[in-house]
Amino acid sequence: MTDAHGSTGSTGSTGSTANIESDVEDFAQSIADSVSSFLLALREIAREADGGRAISLLLLEISQVSLAGARLGIQRDFEPRAEYQPDVGPEADVDDLRIRLAEMLGDVDTYGLVFDPYVPELTESQISDDITAIATDLENGLRHFRSGNVAEALWWWQFSYVSSWGNLAGAVLNALLSVVAHDRLDVDNDAELDQIEAAEAVLDSPTG
């Protein structure tokens, strides 16, 4: 009887551990799918979309990847398996992506960024730079995931979301929404006319 009870308890514990590991792997796969979709869409937008369509598509893609980030942010802290992350090769080259996005966005590429709303220091930033910084962070985690380093991938995605790309995504999302709002809403403030005209020019004119 004692051996049977002990065996049952051991099996239950092992099964519970296996279920937890399976849940983590399923969660990691879900995040990896979101990241892969975002990176693929980003390159398609940069390659195929005109200025106006790009604004709408970027607004959609940043919103979707921000949801993946929020899902990471509410999880318990993930821990890497080792003190130093394993080498998964060089970062992806995003220079062409950044340049293409900058050309496409034109005058609305530069915007005012407040990285920490509780320490409201306004700085000048570029949507194209910030989107490629987000892509770099996400792609780094994806390389870990595809190399079988699930724990490292989740740790990196979560850490970089909280420390960097989550804030950038929120700021870029706000900037893109502002472009759309200026294009669609009637604004009578003369001081904003130049910004509105720049937004309308990007939304109305293809850039090739």
N, C-alpha and C. Protein backbone atom coordinates (compact mmCIF):
# COMPACT_ATOMS: atom_id res chain seq x y z
N MET A 1 0.82 -1.20 0.00
CA MET A 1 0.00 0.00 0.00
C MET A 1 0.86 1.26 0.00
N THR A 2 1.89 1.21 0.86
CA THR A 2 2.75 2.39 0.95
C THR A 2 3.43 2.66 -0.37
N ASP A 3 3.96 1.59 -1.01
CA ASP A 3 4.63 1.76 -2.30
C ASP A 3 3.66 2.28 -3.35
N ALA A 4 2.45 1.79 -3.32
CA ALA A 4 1.47 2.21 -4.31
C ALA A 4 1.14 3.68 -4.14
N HIS A 5 0.93 4.07 -2.85
CA HIS A 5 0.64 5.49 -2.60
C HIS A 5 1.80 6.36 -3.03
N GLY A 6 3.03 5.93 -2.73
CA GLY A 6 4.20 6.70 -3.12
C GLY A 6 4.32 6.82 -4.61
N SER A 7 4.05 5.73 -5.29
CA SER A 7 4.14 5.74 -6.74
C SER A 7 3.12 6.68 -7.35
N THR A 8 1.91 6.66 -6.79
CA THR A 8 0.85 7.55 -7.29
C THR A 8 1.22 9.00 -7.11
N GLY A 9 1.78 9.31 -5.93
CA GLY A 9 2.16 10.70 -5.67
C GLY A 9 3.24 11.16 -6.61
N SER A 10 4.20 10.29 -6.87
CA SER A 10 5.30 10.64 -7.77
C SER A 10 4.80 10.88 -9.18
N THR A 11 3.88 10.04 -9.65
CA THR A 11 3.35 10.17 -11.00
C THR A 11 2.59 11.48 -11.15
N GLY A 12 1.81 11.82 -10.09
CA GLY A 12 1.05 13.08 -10.15
C GLY A 12 1.96 14.27 -10.24
N SER A 13 3.04 14.26 -9.47
CA SER A 13 3.99 15.37 -9.50
C SER A 13 4.65 15.49 -10.86
N THR A 14 5.05 14.34 -11.42
CA THR A 14 5.69 14.36 -12.72
C THR A 14 4.73 14.87 -13.79
N GLY A 15 3.49 14.41 -13.70
CA GLY A 15 2.49 14.87 -14.67
C GLY A 15 2.24 16.35 -14.57
N SER A 16 2.20 16.89 -13.33
CA SER A 16 1.99 18.32 -13.14
C SER A 16 3.14 19.12 -13.72
N THR A 17 4.37 18.66 -13.49
CA THR A 17 5.54 19.35 -14.04
C THR A 17 5.52 19.34 -15.56
N ALA A 18 5.15 18.18 -16.12
CA ALA A 18 5.08 18.06 -17.58
C ALA A 18 4.04 19.01 -18.15
N ASN A 19 2.90 19.14 -17.44
CA ASN A 19 1.85 20.04 -17.91
C ASN A 19 2.30 21.49 -17.89
N ILE A 20 3.04 21.86 -16.84
CA ILE A 20 3.55 23.23 -16.74
C ILE A 20 4.52 23.51 -17.87
N GLU A 21 5.44 22.56 -18.12
CA GLU A 21 6.41 22.75 -19.20
C GLU A 21 5.72 22.83 -20.55
N SER A 22 4.67 22.03 -20.73
CA SER A 22 3.92 22.05 -21.98
C SER A 22 3.21 23.39 -22.16
N ASP A 23 2.66 23.91 -21.08
CA ASP A 23 1.99 25.21 -21.14
C ASP A 23 2.97 26.32 -21.52
N VAL A 24 4.17 26.26 -20.94
CA VAL A 24 5.20 27.26 -21.25
C VAL A 24 5.61 27.18 -22.72
N GLU A 25 5.79 25.97 -23.19
CA GLU A 25 6.18 25.79 -24.59
C GLU A 25 5.08 26.27 -25.54
N ASP A 26 3.82 25.99 -25.17
CA ASP A 26 2.70 26.47 -25.99
C ASP A 26 2.65 27.99 -26.01
N PHE A 27 2.90 28.59 -24.85
CA PHE A 27 2.91 30.06 -24.76
C PHE A 27 4.04 30.62 -25.60
N ALA A 28 5.22 30.02 -25.51
CA ALA A 28 6.37 30.48 -26.29
C ALA A 28 6.08 30.37 -27.78
N GLN A 29 5.44 29.28 -28.19
CA GLN A 29 5.11 29.10 -29.61
C GLN A 29 4.14 30.18 -30.07
N SER A 30 3.18 30.53 -29.22
CA SER A 30 2.22 31.57 -29.55
C SER A 30 2.91 32.92 -29.74
N ILE A 31 3.84 33.25 -28.85
CA ILE A 31 4.58 34.51 -28.97
C ILE A 31 5.46 34.47 -30.22
N ALA A 32 6.10 33.35 -30.46
CA ALA A 32 6.95 33.22 -31.65
C ALA A 32 6.14 33.40 -32.93
N ASP A 33 4.93 32.86 -32.96
CA ASP A 33 4.07 33.03 -34.13
C ASP A 33 3.73 34.51 -34.34
N SER A 34 3.42 35.21 -33.26
CA SER A 34 3.10 36.64 -33.35
C SER A 34 4.31 37.44 -33.84
N VAL A 35 5.47 37.11 -33.31
CA VAL A 35 6.70 37.81 -33.70
C VAL A 35 7.02 37.55 -35.16
N SER A 36 6.93 36.30 -35.58
CA SER A 36 7.21 35.95 -36.97
C SER A 36 6.27 36.68 -37.92
N SER A 37 5.01 36.71 -37.56
CA SER A 37 4.01 37.39 -38.38
C SER A 37 4.31 38.88 -38.49
N PHE A 38 4.71 39.48 -37.37
CA PHE A 38 5.03 40.92 -37.36
C PHE A 38 6.23 41.21 -38.23
N LEU A 39 7.29 40.44 -38.09
CA LEU A 39 8.51 40.70 -38.86
C LEU A 39 8.27 40.50 -40.36
N LEU A 40 7.51 39.48 -40.70
CA LEU A 40 7.19 39.24 -42.11
C LEU A 40 6.34 40.38 -42.67
N ALA A 41 5.32 40.79 -41.93
CA ALA A 41 4.45 41.88 -42.38
C ALA A 41 5.22 43.19 -42.52
N LEU A 42 6.14 43.42 -41.60
CA LEU A 42 6.91 44.66 -41.63
C LEU A 42 7.74 44.77 -42.91
N ARG A 43 8.35 43.69 -43.30
CA ARG A 43 9.15 43.71 -44.52
C ARG A 43 8.26 43.81 -45.76
N GLU A 44 7.09 43.21 -45.72
CA GLU A 44 6.16 43.33 -46.84
C GLU A 44 5.66 44.76 -46.98
N ILE A 45 5.36 45.40 -45.86
CA ILE A 45 4.91 46.79 -45.88
C ILE A 45 6.00 47.69 -46.47
N ALA A 46 7.22 47.49 -46.01
CA ALA A 46 8.33 48.32 -46.48
C ALA A 46 8.59 48.10 -47.97
N ARG A 47 8.33 46.90 -48.45
CA ARG A 47 8.64 46.58 -49.84
C ARG A 47 7.50 46.95 -50.79
N GLU A 48 6.24 46.79 -50.34
CA GLU A 48 5.12 46.87 -51.27
C GLU A 48 4.19 48.06 -51.06
N ALA A 49 4.02 48.51 -49.83
CA ALA A 49 2.97 49.49 -49.55
C ALA A 49 3.39 50.91 -49.92
N ASP A 50 2.40 51.73 -50.32
CA ASP A 50 2.67 53.15 -50.51
C ASP A 50 2.52 53.86 -49.16
N GLY A 51 2.79 55.17 -49.16
CA GLY A 51 2.81 55.90 -47.90
C GLY A 51 1.53 55.82 -47.11
N GLY A 52 0.39 56.08 -47.78
CA GLY A 52 -0.88 56.09 -47.07
C GLY A 52 -1.26 54.73 -46.54
N ARG A 53 -1.14 53.71 -47.37
CA ARG A 53 -1.49 52.35 -46.95
C ARG A 53 -0.53 51.87 -45.86
N ALA A 54 0.72 52.29 -45.94
CA ALA A 54 1.70 51.87 -44.94
C ALA A 54 1.32 52.34 -43.55
N ILE A 55 0.82 53.57 -43.44
CA ILE A 55 0.42 54.09 -42.13
C ILE A 55 -0.62 53.19 -41.49
N SER A 56 -1.66 52.85 -42.25
CA SER A 56 -2.72 52.00 -41.72
C SER A 56 -2.21 50.61 -41.36
N LEU A 57 -1.38 50.03 -42.21
CA LEU A 57 -0.87 48.68 -41.96
C LEU A 57 0.08 48.66 -40.77
N LEU A 58 0.93 49.68 -40.65
CA LEU A 58 1.83 49.75 -39.50
C LEU A 58 1.05 49.92 -38.20
N LEU A 59 0.00 50.71 -38.24
CA LEU A 59 -0.87 50.89 -37.07
C LEU A 59 -1.43 49.54 -36.63
N LEU A 60 -1.88 48.75 -37.59
CA LEU A 60 -2.43 47.43 -37.29
C LEU A 60 -1.37 46.49 -36.73
N GLU A 61 -0.21 46.43 -37.38
CA GLU A 61 0.83 45.48 -36.96
C GLU A 61 1.42 45.83 -35.60
N ILE A 62 1.64 47.12 -35.35
CA ILE A 62 2.17 47.52 -34.04
C ILE A 62 1.15 47.20 -32.95
N SER A 63 -0.14 47.39 -33.23
CA SER A 63 -1.18 47.07 -32.25
C SER A 63 -1.15 45.58 -31.92
N GLN A 64 -1.02 44.74 -32.94
CA GLN A 64 -1.05 43.30 -32.72
C GLN A 64 0.17 42.80 -31.95
N VAL A 65 1.34 43.31 -32.29
CA VAL A 65 2.53 42.83 -31.58
C VAL A 65 2.56 43.40 -30.16
N SER A 66 1.92 44.54 -29.93
CA SER A 66 1.81 45.09 -28.58
C SER A 66 0.97 44.18 -27.69
N LEU A 67 -0.04 43.54 -28.27
CA LEU A 67 -0.84 42.58 -27.51
C LEU A 67 0.03 41.40 -27.06
N ALA A 68 0.89 40.92 -27.95
CA ALA A 68 1.81 39.85 -27.57
C ALA A 68 2.72 40.31 -26.44
N GLY A 69 3.18 41.55 -26.52
CA GLY A 69 4.01 42.09 -25.45
C GLY A 69 3.28 42.17 -24.13
N ALA A 70 2.01 42.60 -24.17
CA ALA A 70 1.22 42.68 -22.94
C ALA A 70 1.04 41.31 -22.31
N ARG A 71 0.88 40.29 -23.16
CA ARG A 71 0.76 38.92 -22.65
C ARG A 71 2.06 38.50 -21.94
N LEU A 72 3.19 38.93 -22.47
CA LEU A 72 4.47 38.65 -21.80
C LEU A 72 4.58 39.42 -20.50
N GLY A 73 4.13 40.68 -20.52
CA GLY A 73 4.30 41.54 -19.36
C GLY A 73 3.55 41.09 -18.13
N ILE A 74 2.43 40.38 -18.30
CA ILE A 74 1.63 39.97 -17.14
C ILE A 74 2.04 38.61 -16.60
N GLN A 75 2.98 37.94 -17.27
CA GLN A 75 3.45 36.63 -16.80
C GLN A 75 4.44 36.80 -15.65
N ARG A 76 4.61 35.73 -14.90
CA ARG A 76 5.69 35.71 -13.92
C ARG A 76 7.02 35.95 -14.65
N ASP A 77 8.02 36.37 -13.91
CA ASP A 77 9.31 36.63 -14.53
C ASP A 77 9.93 35.34 -15.05
N PHE A 78 10.22 35.31 -16.34
CA PHE A 78 10.92 34.16 -16.90
C PHE A 78 12.40 34.27 -16.57
N GLU A 79 13.04 33.12 -16.43
CA GLU A 79 14.46 33.07 -16.08
C GLU A 79 15.22 32.30 -17.16
N PRO A 80 16.35 32.84 -17.62
CA PRO A 80 17.17 32.08 -18.58
C PRO A 80 17.84 30.91 -17.87
N ARG A 81 18.24 29.91 -18.64
CA ARG A 81 18.85 28.72 -18.04
C ARG A 81 20.30 28.96 -17.60
N ALA A 82 20.94 29.94 -18.19
CA ALA A 82 22.34 30.22 -17.86
C ALA A 82 22.52 31.72 -17.66
N GLU A 83 23.64 32.09 -17.03
CA GLU A 83 23.92 33.50 -16.77
C GLU A 83 24.09 34.28 -18.06
N TYR A 84 24.71 33.64 -19.03
CA TYR A 84 24.94 34.29 -20.32
C TYR A 84 24.13 33.58 -21.40
N GLN A 85 23.47 34.37 -22.25
CA GLN A 85 22.66 33.77 -23.30
C GLN A 85 23.55 33.06 -24.32
N PRO A 86 23.11 31.93 -24.84
CA PRO A 86 23.89 31.23 -25.87
C PRO A 86 23.98 32.06 -27.14
N ASP A 87 25.05 31.87 -27.86
CA ASP A 87 25.26 32.59 -29.12
C ASP A 87 24.33 32.02 -30.19
N VAL A 88 23.52 32.90 -30.78
CA VAL A 88 22.61 32.46 -31.84
C VAL A 88 22.90 33.21 -33.15
N GLY A 89 24.14 33.70 -33.26
CA GLY A 89 24.53 34.35 -34.51
C GLY A 89 24.29 35.84 -34.50
N PRO A 90 24.67 36.51 -35.58
CA PRO A 90 24.56 37.97 -35.65
C PRO A 90 23.12 38.44 -35.79
N GLU A 91 22.89 39.68 -35.39
CA GLU A 91 21.57 40.27 -35.54
C GLU A 91 21.23 40.45 -37.02
N ALA A 92 19.94 40.44 -37.31
CA ALA A 92 19.50 40.66 -38.69
C ALA A 92 19.85 42.08 -39.12
N ASP A 93 20.17 42.25 -40.38
CA ASP A 93 20.47 43.56 -40.95
C ASP A 93 19.15 44.28 -41.25
N VAL A 94 18.90 45.36 -40.52
CA VAL A 94 17.63 46.08 -40.69
C VAL A 94 17.83 47.45 -41.32
N ASP A 95 19.01 47.74 -41.84
CA ASP A 95 19.27 49.05 -42.42
C ASP A 95 18.36 49.33 -43.62
N ASP A 96 18.22 48.36 -44.50
CA ASP A 96 17.35 48.56 -45.66
C ASP A 96 15.91 48.79 -45.24
N LEU A 97 15.47 48.06 -44.23
CA LEU A 97 14.12 48.23 -43.71
C LEU A 97 13.93 49.64 -43.16
N ARG A 98 14.90 50.09 -42.37
CA ARG A 98 14.80 51.43 -41.76
C ARG A 98 14.78 52.52 -42.84
N ILE A 99 15.65 52.40 -43.82
CA ILE A 99 15.73 53.41 -44.87
C ILE A 99 14.43 53.45 -45.69
N ARG A 100 13.92 52.27 -46.02
CA ARG A 100 12.69 52.21 -46.80
C ARG A 100 11.52 52.82 -46.03
N LEU A 101 11.42 52.51 -44.75
CA LEU A 101 10.34 53.08 -43.93
C LEU A 101 10.48 54.60 -43.82
N ALA A 102 11.71 55.07 -43.64
CA ALA A 102 11.94 56.52 -43.54
C ALA A 102 11.53 57.23 -44.82
N GLU A 103 11.88 56.65 -45.96
CA GLU A 103 11.49 57.25 -47.24
C GLU A 103 9.98 57.25 -47.42
N MET A 104 9.37 56.19 -47.00
CA MET A 104 7.93 56.04 -47.15
C MET A 104 7.17 57.02 -46.25
N LEU A 105 7.64 57.20 -45.03
CA LEU A 105 6.95 58.07 -44.07
C LEU A 105 7.21 59.55 -44.33
N GLY A 106 8.36 59.87 -44.89
CA GLY A 106 8.65 61.25 -45.25
C GLY A 106 8.63 62.19 -44.06
N ASP A 107 7.86 63.28 -44.19
CA ASP A 107 7.85 64.33 -43.17
C ASP A 107 7.24 63.90 -41.85
N VAL A 108 6.44 62.83 -41.84
CA VAL A 108 5.84 62.41 -40.57
C VAL A 108 6.70 61.38 -39.83
N ASP A 109 7.88 61.09 -40.34
CA ASP A 109 8.75 60.12 -39.68
C ASP A 109 9.23 60.63 -38.33
N THR A 110 9.54 61.92 -38.23
CA THR A 110 10.03 62.50 -36.98
C THR A 110 8.86 62.90 -36.09
N TYR A 111 8.93 62.51 -34.83
CA TYR A 111 7.85 62.81 -33.89
C TYR A 111 8.43 63.05 -32.50
N GLY A 112 7.60 63.56 -31.60
CA GLY A 112 8.01 63.80 -30.22
C GLY A 112 7.78 62.57 -29.36
N LEU A 113 8.82 62.09 -28.71
CA LEU A 113 8.76 60.87 -27.91
C LEU A 113 8.93 61.19 -26.43
N VAL A 114 8.01 60.69 -25.61
CA VAL A 114 8.16 60.71 -24.15
C VAL A 114 8.28 59.27 -23.72
N PHE A 115 9.50 58.83 -23.38
CA PHE A 115 9.74 57.42 -23.10
C PHE A 115 9.12 57.01 -21.77
N ASP A 116 9.20 57.86 -20.76
CA ASP A 116 8.64 57.56 -19.45
C ASP A 116 7.66 58.67 -19.07
N PRO A 117 6.35 58.40 -19.08
CA PRO A 117 5.38 59.45 -18.77
C PRO A 117 5.47 59.97 -17.35
N TYR A 118 6.14 59.25 -16.46
CA TYR A 118 6.30 59.71 -15.09
C TYR A 118 7.56 60.57 -14.93
N VAL A 119 8.39 60.58 -15.95
CA VAL A 119 9.52 61.51 -16.03
C VAL A 119 9.43 62.12 -17.43
N PRO A 120 8.47 63.04 -17.62
CA PRO A 120 8.08 63.47 -18.97
C PRO A 120 9.10 64.37 -19.65
N GLU A 121 10.12 63.74 -20.19
CA GLU A 121 11.13 64.47 -20.95
C GLU A 121 10.90 64.21 -22.44
N LEU A 122 10.58 65.26 -23.18
CA LEU A 122 10.27 65.12 -24.59
C LEU A 122 11.55 65.09 -25.41
N THR A 123 11.68 64.08 -26.25
CA THR A 123 12.81 63.99 -27.16
C THR A 123 12.29 63.78 -28.58
N GLU A 124 13.16 64.04 -29.53
CA GLU A 124 12.79 63.85 -30.93
C GLU A 124 13.23 62.46 -31.37
N SER A 125 12.34 61.75 -32.04
CA SER A 125 12.66 60.41 -32.50
C SER A 125 12.09 60.19 -33.89
N GLN A 126 12.43 59.06 -34.49
CA GLN A 126 11.92 58.71 -35.81
C GLN A 126 11.15 57.39 -35.74
N ILE A 127 9.99 57.37 -36.34
CA ILE A 127 9.19 56.16 -36.36
C ILE A 127 9.99 55.02 -37.00
N SER A 128 10.67 55.31 -38.10
CA SER A 128 11.44 54.27 -38.79
C SER A 128 12.52 53.67 -37.89
N ASP A 129 13.22 54.51 -37.13
CA ASP A 129 14.25 54.01 -36.21
C ASP A 129 13.63 53.15 -35.11
N ASP A 130 12.52 53.62 -34.56
CA ASP A 130 11.92 52.92 -33.43
C ASP A 130 11.30 51.60 -33.86
N ILE A 131 10.69 51.55 -35.03
CA ILE A 131 10.13 50.30 -35.51
C ILE A 131 11.23 49.27 -35.75
N THR A 132 12.34 49.69 -36.33
CA THR A 132 13.44 48.75 -36.56
C THR A 132 14.10 48.32 -35.25
N ALA A 133 14.09 49.19 -34.24
CA ALA A 133 14.61 48.79 -32.93
C ALA A 133 13.70 47.72 -32.32
N ILE A 134 12.39 47.89 -32.47
CA ILE A 134 11.44 46.88 -32.01
C ILE A 134 11.69 45.55 -32.74
N ALA A 135 11.84 45.64 -34.05
CA ALA A 135 12.08 44.44 -34.86
C ALA A 135 13.36 43.73 -34.43
N THR A 136 14.40 44.48 -34.12
CA THR A 136 15.67 43.88 -33.70
C THR A 136 15.52 43.11 -32.40
N ASP A 137 14.83 43.71 -31.42
CA ASP A 137 14.60 43.03 -30.15
C ASP A 137 13.80 41.74 -30.35
N LEU A 138 12.75 41.83 -31.14
CA LEU A 138 11.90 40.67 -31.34
C LEU A 138 12.62 39.57 -32.11
N GLU A 139 13.39 39.95 -33.11
CA GLU A 139 14.10 38.97 -33.93
C GLU A 139 15.17 38.24 -33.10
N ASN A 140 15.78 38.93 -32.16
CA ASN A 140 16.78 38.29 -31.31
C ASN A 140 16.15 37.15 -30.51
N GLY A 141 14.98 37.41 -29.93
CA GLY A 141 14.28 36.36 -29.20
C GLY A 141 13.85 35.22 -30.10
N LEU A 142 13.45 35.56 -31.32
CA LEU A 142 13.01 34.53 -32.26
C LEU A 142 14.16 33.60 -32.64
N ARG A 143 15.39 34.13 -32.77
CA ARG A 143 16.53 33.28 -33.07
C ARG A 143 16.81 32.30 -31.92
N HIS A 144 16.63 32.76 -30.68
CA HIS A 144 16.77 31.85 -29.54
C HIS A 144 15.71 30.76 -29.60
N PHE A 145 14.48 31.15 -29.88
CA PHE A 145 13.40 30.17 -29.93
C PHE A 145 13.65 29.12 -31.00
N ARG A 146 14.03 29.57 -32.18
CA ARG A 146 14.25 28.63 -33.28
C ARG A 146 15.47 27.75 -33.08
N SER A 147 16.36 28.17 -32.17
CA SER A 147 17.53 27.35 -31.83
C SER A 147 17.22 26.37 -30.70
N GLY A 148 15.99 26.38 -30.22
CA GLY A 148 15.59 25.49 -29.15
C GLY A 148 15.77 26.06 -27.76
N ASN A 149 16.16 27.34 -27.67
CA ASN A 149 16.39 27.97 -26.37
C ASN A 149 15.11 28.68 -25.91
N VAL A 150 14.11 27.89 -25.54
CA VAL A 150 12.79 28.44 -25.23
C VAL A 150 12.85 29.37 -24.01
N ALA A 151 13.54 28.95 -22.97
CA ALA A 151 13.62 29.77 -21.76
C ALA A 151 14.30 31.10 -22.04
N GLU A 152 15.38 31.06 -22.81
CA GLU A 152 16.10 32.29 -23.14
C GLU A 152 15.24 33.21 -24.01
N ALA A 153 14.51 32.61 -24.95
CA ALA A 153 13.64 33.40 -25.82
C ALA A 153 12.58 34.13 -25.01
N LEU A 154 11.91 33.41 -24.11
CA LEU A 154 10.87 34.04 -23.30
C LEU A 154 11.46 35.09 -22.39
N TRP A 155 12.60 34.81 -21.78
CA TRP A 155 13.23 35.80 -20.91
C TRP A 155 13.55 37.07 -21.70
N TRP A 156 14.15 36.92 -22.88
CA TRP A 156 14.54 38.08 -23.66
C TRP A 156 13.33 38.88 -24.14
N TRP A 157 12.33 38.20 -24.67
CA TRP A 157 11.14 38.90 -25.12
C TRP A 157 10.49 39.69 -23.99
N GLN A 158 10.40 39.07 -22.82
CA GLN A 158 9.77 39.73 -21.68
C GLN A 158 10.63 40.89 -21.18
N PHE A 159 11.92 40.64 -20.99
CA PHE A 159 12.82 41.68 -20.49
C PHE A 159 12.86 42.87 -21.44
N SER A 160 13.02 42.62 -22.74
CA SER A 160 13.13 43.72 -23.70
C SER A 160 11.80 44.44 -23.87
N TYR A 161 10.68 43.73 -23.68
CA TYR A 161 9.37 44.39 -23.73
C TYR A 161 9.25 45.41 -22.60
N VAL A 162 9.58 44.98 -21.39
CA VAL A 162 9.44 45.86 -20.23
C VAL A 162 10.45 47.00 -20.28
N SER A 163 11.66 46.71 -20.74
CA SER A 163 12.74 47.71 -20.68
C SER A 163 12.82 48.60 -21.91
N SER A 164 12.28 48.17 -23.05
CA SER A 164 12.55 48.91 -24.27
C SER A 164 11.39 48.91 -25.27
N TRP A 165 11.18 47.77 -25.93
CA TRP A 165 10.32 47.83 -27.11
C TRP A 165 8.85 48.03 -26.78
N GLY A 166 8.44 47.71 -25.56
CA GLY A 166 7.05 47.97 -25.18
C GLY A 166 6.74 49.46 -25.19
N ASN A 167 7.64 50.25 -24.61
CA ASN A 167 7.44 51.70 -24.61
C ASN A 167 7.54 52.27 -26.02
N LEU A 168 8.49 51.78 -26.79
CA LEU A 168 8.63 52.26 -28.17
C LEU A 168 7.39 51.94 -28.99
N ALA A 169 6.85 50.74 -28.81
CA ALA A 169 5.65 50.37 -29.55
C ALA A 169 4.48 51.28 -29.19
N GLY A 170 4.34 51.60 -27.91
CA GLY A 170 3.27 52.51 -27.50
C GLY A 170 3.44 53.90 -28.08
N ALA A 171 4.67 54.39 -28.10
CA ALA A 171 4.93 55.72 -28.65
C ALA A 171 4.70 55.76 -30.16
N VAL A 172 5.17 54.73 -30.87
CA VAL A 172 4.97 54.66 -32.32
C VAL A 172 3.49 54.54 -32.64
N LEU A 173 2.78 53.74 -31.86
CA LEU A 173 1.34 53.58 -32.07
C LEU A 173 0.62 54.92 -31.93
N ASN A 174 1.00 55.67 -30.93
CA ASN A 174 0.40 56.99 -30.72
C ASN A 174 0.71 57.94 -31.87
N ALA A 175 1.96 57.88 -32.36
CA ALA A 175 2.35 58.75 -33.48
C ALA A 175 1.58 58.39 -34.75
N LEU A 176 1.46 57.10 -35.03
CA LEU A 176 0.73 56.67 -36.23
C LEU A 176 -0.74 57.03 -36.14
N LEU A 177 -1.32 56.87 -34.95
CA LEU A 177 -2.72 57.23 -34.76
C LEU A 177 -2.91 58.73 -34.94
N SER A 178 -1.92 59.51 -34.51
CA SER A 178 -2.00 60.96 -34.67
C SER A 178 -2.01 61.35 -36.14
N VAL A 179 -1.22 60.66 -36.95
CA VAL A 179 -1.21 60.92 -38.39
C VAL A 179 -2.60 60.66 -38.99
N VAL A 180 -3.19 59.53 -38.60
CA VAL A 180 -4.52 59.19 -39.10
C VAL A 180 -5.54 60.22 -38.62
N ALA A 181 -5.45 60.62 -37.35
CA ALA A 181 -6.40 61.58 -36.80
C ALA A 181 -6.30 62.92 -37.51
N HIS A 182 -5.08 63.40 -37.77
CA HIS A 182 -4.91 64.67 -38.47
C HIS A 182 -5.48 64.61 -39.88
N ASP A 183 -5.39 63.46 -40.48
CA ASP A 183 -5.91 63.32 -41.85
C ASP A 183 -7.43 63.31 -41.87
N ARG A 184 -8.06 62.75 -40.84
CA ARG A 184 -9.50 62.54 -40.88
C ARG A 184 -10.32 63.59 -40.15
N LEU A 185 -9.72 64.27 -39.20
CA LEU A 185 -10.47 65.23 -38.40
C LEU A 185 -10.20 66.65 -38.86
N ASP A 186 -11.19 67.48 -38.73
CA ASP A 186 -11.04 68.90 -39.06
C ASP A 186 -10.40 69.61 -37.88
N VAL A 187 -9.24 70.19 -38.12
CA VAL A 187 -8.53 70.92 -37.07
C VAL A 187 -8.29 72.34 -37.56
N ASP A 188 -8.69 73.32 -36.77
CA ASP A 188 -8.61 74.72 -37.18
C ASP A 188 -7.42 75.46 -36.59
N ASN A 189 -6.56 74.76 -35.88
CA ASN A 189 -5.42 75.40 -35.25
C ASN A 189 -4.34 75.66 -36.31
N ASP A 190 -4.06 76.93 -36.60
CA ASP A 190 -3.10 77.27 -37.63
C ASP A 190 -1.71 76.72 -37.34
N ALA A 191 -1.38 76.59 -36.07
CA ALA A 191 -0.04 76.11 -35.71
C ALA A 191 0.17 74.65 -36.11
N GLU A 192 -0.93 73.92 -36.35
CA GLU A 192 -0.81 72.52 -36.70
C GLU A 192 -0.98 72.26 -38.18
N LEU A 193 -1.18 73.30 -38.98
CA LEU A 193 -1.48 73.10 -40.39
C LEU A 193 -0.34 72.40 -41.14
N ASP A 194 0.90 72.77 -40.83
CA ASP A 194 2.03 72.12 -41.52
C ASP A 194 2.06 70.63 -41.24
N GLN A 195 1.82 70.24 -39.97
CA GLN A 195 1.81 68.83 -39.62
C GLN A 195 0.67 68.10 -40.31
N ILE A 196 -0.48 68.75 -40.38
CA ILE A 196 -1.64 68.14 -41.02
C ILE A 196 -1.38 67.94 -42.51
N GLU A 197 -0.81 68.96 -43.14
CA GLU A 197 -0.50 68.85 -44.57
C GLU A 197 0.51 67.73 -44.83
N ALA A 198 1.49 67.59 -43.94
CA ALA A 198 2.48 66.52 -44.11
C ALA A 198 1.81 65.15 -43.97
N ALA A 199 0.89 65.03 -43.01
CA ALA A 199 0.18 63.77 -42.82
C ALA A 199 -0.67 63.44 -44.04
N GLU A 200 -1.37 64.44 -44.57
CA GLU A 200 -2.22 64.23 -45.73
C GLU A 200 -1.39 63.84 -46.95
N ALA A 201 -0.22 64.45 -47.08
CA ALA A 201 0.63 64.15 -48.22
C ALA A 201 1.09 62.71 -48.21
N VAL A 202 1.41 62.21 -47.01
CA VAL A 202 1.86 60.81 -46.90
C VAL A 202 0.71 59.85 -47.15
N LEU A 203 -0.48 60.19 -46.62
CA LEU A 203 -1.61 59.29 -46.75
C LEU A 203 -2.20 59.28 -48.16
N ASP A 204 -2.05 60.40 -48.87
CA ASP A 204 -2.70 60.51 -50.18
C ASP A 204 -1.81 60.17 -51.36
N SER A 205 -0.48 60.21 -51.15
CA SER A 205 0.42 60.06 -52.29
C SER A 205 1.29 58.82 -52.16
N PRO A 206 1.25 57.92 -53.16
CA PRO A 206 2.15 56.76 -53.13
C PRO A 206 3.60 57.20 -53.28
N THR A 207 4.50 56.45 -52.68
CA THR A 207 5.92 56.78 -52.75
C THR A 207 6.69 55.78 -53.57
N GLY A 208 6.02 54.86 -54.20
CA GLY A 208 6.73 53.91 -55.04
C GLY A 208 6.89 52.58 -54.40
